[in-house]
Amino acid sequence: MTPAAKTLQGRRALPPRKARHADECETLEQLPNIGPSLAADLRLLGVNHPRDLATRDAFVLYQSLCAITGTRQDPCVLDTFMAATDFMRGAQARPWWTYTAERKSVHGAV
């Protein structure tokens, strides 16, 4: 067994590298700000590939997630959906919290 194989034995695989541009995204987990939990939520909503987000409305996704789970999701989930949909429409990657002011301005209290 090679030294590299010994080093990797028993360790979890590294998460996918985050995409710098929308065209680099092959999995939801490659989207900036999206980890395994939000990727699972997006799949629950029928979003199976990052490109699906380019035509989706972040607020509708958020409302649908609240309805499907029967739970009011934290507003930062909406911020993150806004970041992901913008990114897949060609915007630069930005931290989800930079969308908070826009969310409050557009959608008020959610």
C-alpha atoms as a PDB file:
ATOM      1  CA  MET A   1       0.000   0.000   0.000  1.00  0.00           C
ATOM      2  CA  THR A   2       1.336   3.429  -0.934  1.00  0.00           C
ATOM      3  CA  PRO A   3       1.909   6.087   1.757  1.00  0.00           C
ATOM      4  CA  ALA A   4      -0.878   8.196   0.224  1.00  0.00           C
ATOM      5  CA  ALA A   5      -3.309   5.276   0.419  1.00  0.00           C
ATOM      6  CA  LYS A   6      -2.363   4.689   4.061  1.00  0.00           C
ATOM      7  CA  THR A   7      -2.992   8.366   4.818  1.00  0.00           C
ATOM      8  CA  LEU A   8      -6.448   8.235   3.237  1.00  0.00           C
ATOM      9  CA  GLN A   9      -7.440   4.987   4.928  1.00  0.00           C
ATOM     10  CA  GLY A  10     -10.312   5.528   7.334  1.00  0.00           C
ATOM     11  CA  ARG A  11     -10.858   9.168   6.406  1.00  0.00           C
ATOM     12  CA  ARG A  12     -13.907  10.665   4.789  1.00  0.00           C
ATOM     13  CA  ALA A  13     -13.621  11.971   1.270  1.00  0.00           C
ATOM     14  CA  LEU A  14     -13.070  15.693   0.895  1.00  0.00           C
ATOM     15  CA  PRO A  15     -16.159  17.731   0.025  1.00  0.00           C
ATOM     16  CA  PRO A  16     -16.392  18.900  -3.579  1.00  0.00           C
ATOM     17  CA  ARG A  17     -14.445  22.051  -4.400  1.00  0.00           C
ATOM     18  CA  LYS A  18     -16.621  25.156  -4.475  1.00  0.00           C
ATOM     19  CA  ALA A  19     -17.204  26.544  -7.945  1.00  0.00           C
ATOM     20  CA  ARG A  20     -15.875  29.972  -8.856  1.00  0.00           C
ATOM     21  CA  HIS A  21     -18.279  30.304 -11.811  1.00  0.00           C
ATOM     22  CA  ALA A  22     -21.716  28.877 -12.536  1.00  0.00           C
ATOM     23  CA  ASP A  23     -20.467  26.788 -15.452  1.00  0.00           C
ATOM     24  CA  GLU A  24     -18.145  24.885 -13.083  1.00  0.00           C
ATOM     25  CA  CYS A  25     -21.040  23.557 -10.968  1.00  0.00           C
ATOM     26  CA  GLU A  26     -21.899  19.909 -11.428  1.00  0.00           C
ATOM     27  CA  THR A  27     -23.328  19.228  -7.956  1.00  0.00           C
ATOM     28  CA  LEU A  28     -25.360  21.338  -5.558  1.00  0.00           C
ATOM     29  CA  GLU A  29     -22.608  21.015  -2.959  1.00  0.00           C
ATOM     30  CA  GLN A  30     -20.224  22.844  -5.292  1.00  0.00           C
ATOM     31  CA  LEU A  31     -22.359  25.987  -5.045  1.00  0.00           C
ATOM     32  CA  PRO A  32     -20.900  28.670  -2.808  1.00  0.00           C
ATOM     33  CA  ASN A  33     -22.771  28.765   0.542  1.00  0.00           C
ATOM     34  CA  ILE A  34     -24.444  25.371  -0.024  1.00  0.00           C
ATOM     35  CA  GLY A  35     -23.486  22.452   2.183  1.00  0.00           C
ATOM     36  CA  PRO A  36     -24.967  18.969   2.514  1.00  0.00           C
ATOM     37  CA  SER A  37     -28.030  20.085   4.498  1.00  0.00           C
ATOM     38  CA  LEU A  38     -29.159  22.835   2.133  1.00  0.00           C
ATOM     39  CA  ALA A  39     -28.326  20.629  -0.854  1.00  0.00           C
ATOM     40  CA  ALA A  40     -30.721  18.033   0.593  1.00  0.00           C
ATOM     41  CA  ASP A  41     -33.358  20.744   1.058  1.00  0.00           C
ATOM     42  CA  LEU A  42     -32.950  21.828  -2.564  1.00  0.00           C
ATOM     43  CA  ARG A  43     -33.339  18.237  -3.738  1.00  0.00           C
ATOM     44  CA  LEU A  44     -36.505  17.985  -1.642  1.00  0.00           C
ATOM     45  CA  LEU A  45     -37.765  20.960  -3.669  1.00  0.00           C
ATOM     46  CA  GLY A  46     -36.981  19.239  -6.970  1.00  0.00           C
ATOM     47  CA  VAL A  47     -33.715  21.058  -7.643  1.00  0.00           C
ATOM     48  CA  ASN A  48     -31.352  18.287  -8.693  1.00  0.00           C
ATOM     49  CA  HIS A  49     -28.671  20.188 -10.592  1.00  0.00           C
ATOM     50  CA  PRO A  50     -27.252  23.667  -9.990  1.00  0.00           C
ATOM     51  CA  ARG A  51     -28.395  24.830 -13.437  1.00  0.00           C
ATOM     52  CA  ASP A  52     -32.004  24.310 -12.255  1.00  0.00           C
ATOM     53  CA  LEU A  53     -31.553  27.317  -9.952  1.00  0.00           C
ATOM     54  CA  ALA A  54     -31.036  29.765 -12.820  1.00  0.00           C
ATOM     55  CA  THR A  55     -34.771  29.762 -13.535  1.00  0.00           C
ATOM     56  CA  ARG A  56     -36.053  29.440  -9.988  1.00  0.00           C
ATOM     57  CA  ASP A  57     -37.246  32.183  -7.642  1.00  0.00           C
ATOM     58  CA  ALA A  58     -35.432  32.169  -4.292  1.00  0.00           C
ATOM     59  CA  PHE A  59     -38.490  33.393  -2.374  1.00  0.00           C
ATOM     60  CA  VAL A  60     -40.719  30.703  -3.887  1.00  0.00           C
ATOM     61  CA  LEU A  61     -38.098  28.083  -3.002  1.00  0.00           C
ATOM     62  CA  TYR A  62     -38.027  29.388   0.578  1.00  0.00           C
ATOM     63  CA  GLN A  63     -41.838  29.383   0.893  1.00  0.00           C
ATOM     64  CA  SER A  64     -42.016  25.886  -0.586  1.00  0.00           C
ATOM     65  CA  LEU A  65     -39.423  24.579   1.855  1.00  0.00           C
ATOM     66  CA  CYS A  66     -41.386  26.055   4.768  1.00  0.00           C
ATOM     67  CA  ALA A  67     -44.584  24.432   3.471  1.00  0.00           C
ATOM     68  CA  ILE A  68     -43.056  21.010   2.742  1.00  0.00           C
ATOM     69  CA  THR A  69     -41.280  20.784   6.096  1.00  0.00           C
ATOM     70  CA  GLY A  70     -44.144  22.335   8.061  1.00  0.00           C
ATOM     71  CA  THR A  71     -41.598  24.604   9.720  1.00  0.00           C
ATOM     72  CA  ARG A  72     -40.763  28.276   9.352  1.00  0.00           C
ATOM     73  CA  GLN A  73     -37.192  28.188   8.118  1.00  0.00           C
ATOM     74  CA  ASP A  74     -34.656  30.707   9.347  1.00  0.00           C
ATOM     75  CA  PRO A  75     -34.575  33.765   7.032  1.00  0.00           C
ATOM     76  CA  CYS A  76     -30.881  33.096   6.365  1.00  0.00           C
ATOM     77  CA  VAL A  77     -32.075  30.139   4.264  1.00  0.00           C
ATOM     78  CA  LEU A  78     -33.762  32.652   1.960  1.00  0.00           C
ATOM     79  CA  ASP A  79     -30.554  34.707   1.887  1.00  0.00           C
ATOM     80  CA  THR A  80     -28.670  31.571   0.870  1.00  0.00           C
ATOM     81  CA  PHE A  81     -31.203  30.699  -1.835  1.00  0.00           C
ATOM     82  CA  MET A  82     -30.866  34.265  -3.146  1.00  0.00           C
ATOM     83  CA  ALA A  83     -27.084  33.866  -3.271  1.00  0.00           C
ATOM     84  CA  ALA A  84     -27.347  30.515  -5.069  1.00  0.00           C
ATOM     85  CA  THR A  85     -29.882  31.654  -7.685  1.00  0.00           C
ATOM     86  CA  ASP A  86     -27.897  34.826  -8.390  1.00  0.00           C
ATOM     87  CA  PHE A  87     -24.682  32.830  -8.726  1.00  0.00           C
ATOM     88  CA  MET A  88     -26.264  30.438 -11.213  1.00  0.00           C
ATOM     89  CA  ARG A  89     -27.469  33.437 -13.248  1.00  0.00           C
ATOM     90  CA  GLY A  90     -23.880  34.602 -13.590  1.00  0.00           C
ATOM     91  CA  ALA A  91     -23.266  36.785 -10.537  1.00  0.00           C
ATOM     92  CA  GLN A  92     -20.006  36.545  -8.644  1.00  0.00           C
ATOM     93  CA  ALA A  93     -19.992  34.328  -5.576  1.00  0.00           C
ATOM     94  CA  ARG A  94     -20.847  36.319  -2.457  1.00  0.00           C
ATOM     95  CA  PRO A  95     -21.357  35.233   1.152  1.00  0.00           C
ATOM     96  CA  TRP A  96     -25.035  34.573   1.899  1.00  0.00           C
ATOM     97  CA  TRP A  97     -25.168  37.283   4.577  1.00  0.00           C
ATOM     98  CA  THR A  98     -24.503  39.972   1.987  1.00  0.00           C
ATOM     99  CA  TYR A  99     -28.071  39.277   0.778  1.00  0.00           C
ATOM    100  CA  THR A 100     -29.694  40.030   4.151  1.00  0.00           C
ATOM    101  CA  ALA A 101     -30.275  43.737   3.519  1.00  0.00           C
ATOM    102  CA  GLU A 102     -31.724  43.025   0.067  1.00  0.00           C
ATOM    103  CA  ARG A 103     -34.001  40.332   1.492  1.00  0.00           C
ATOM    104  CA  LYS A 104     -35.292  42.670   4.205  1.00  0.00           C
ATOM    105  CA  SER A 105     -35.838  45.446   1.663  1.00  0.00           C
ATOM    106  CA  VAL A 106     -37.647  43.256  -0.883  1.00  0.00           C
ATOM    107  CA  HIS A 107     -39.471  40.748   1.303  1.00  0.00           C
ATOM    108  CA  GLY A 108     -39.705  42.403   4.727  1.00  0.00           C
ATOM    109  CA  ALA A 109     -40.077  40.048   7.661  1.00  0.00           C
ATOM    110  CA  VAL A 110     -40.373  36.423   6.576  1.00  0.00           C
END
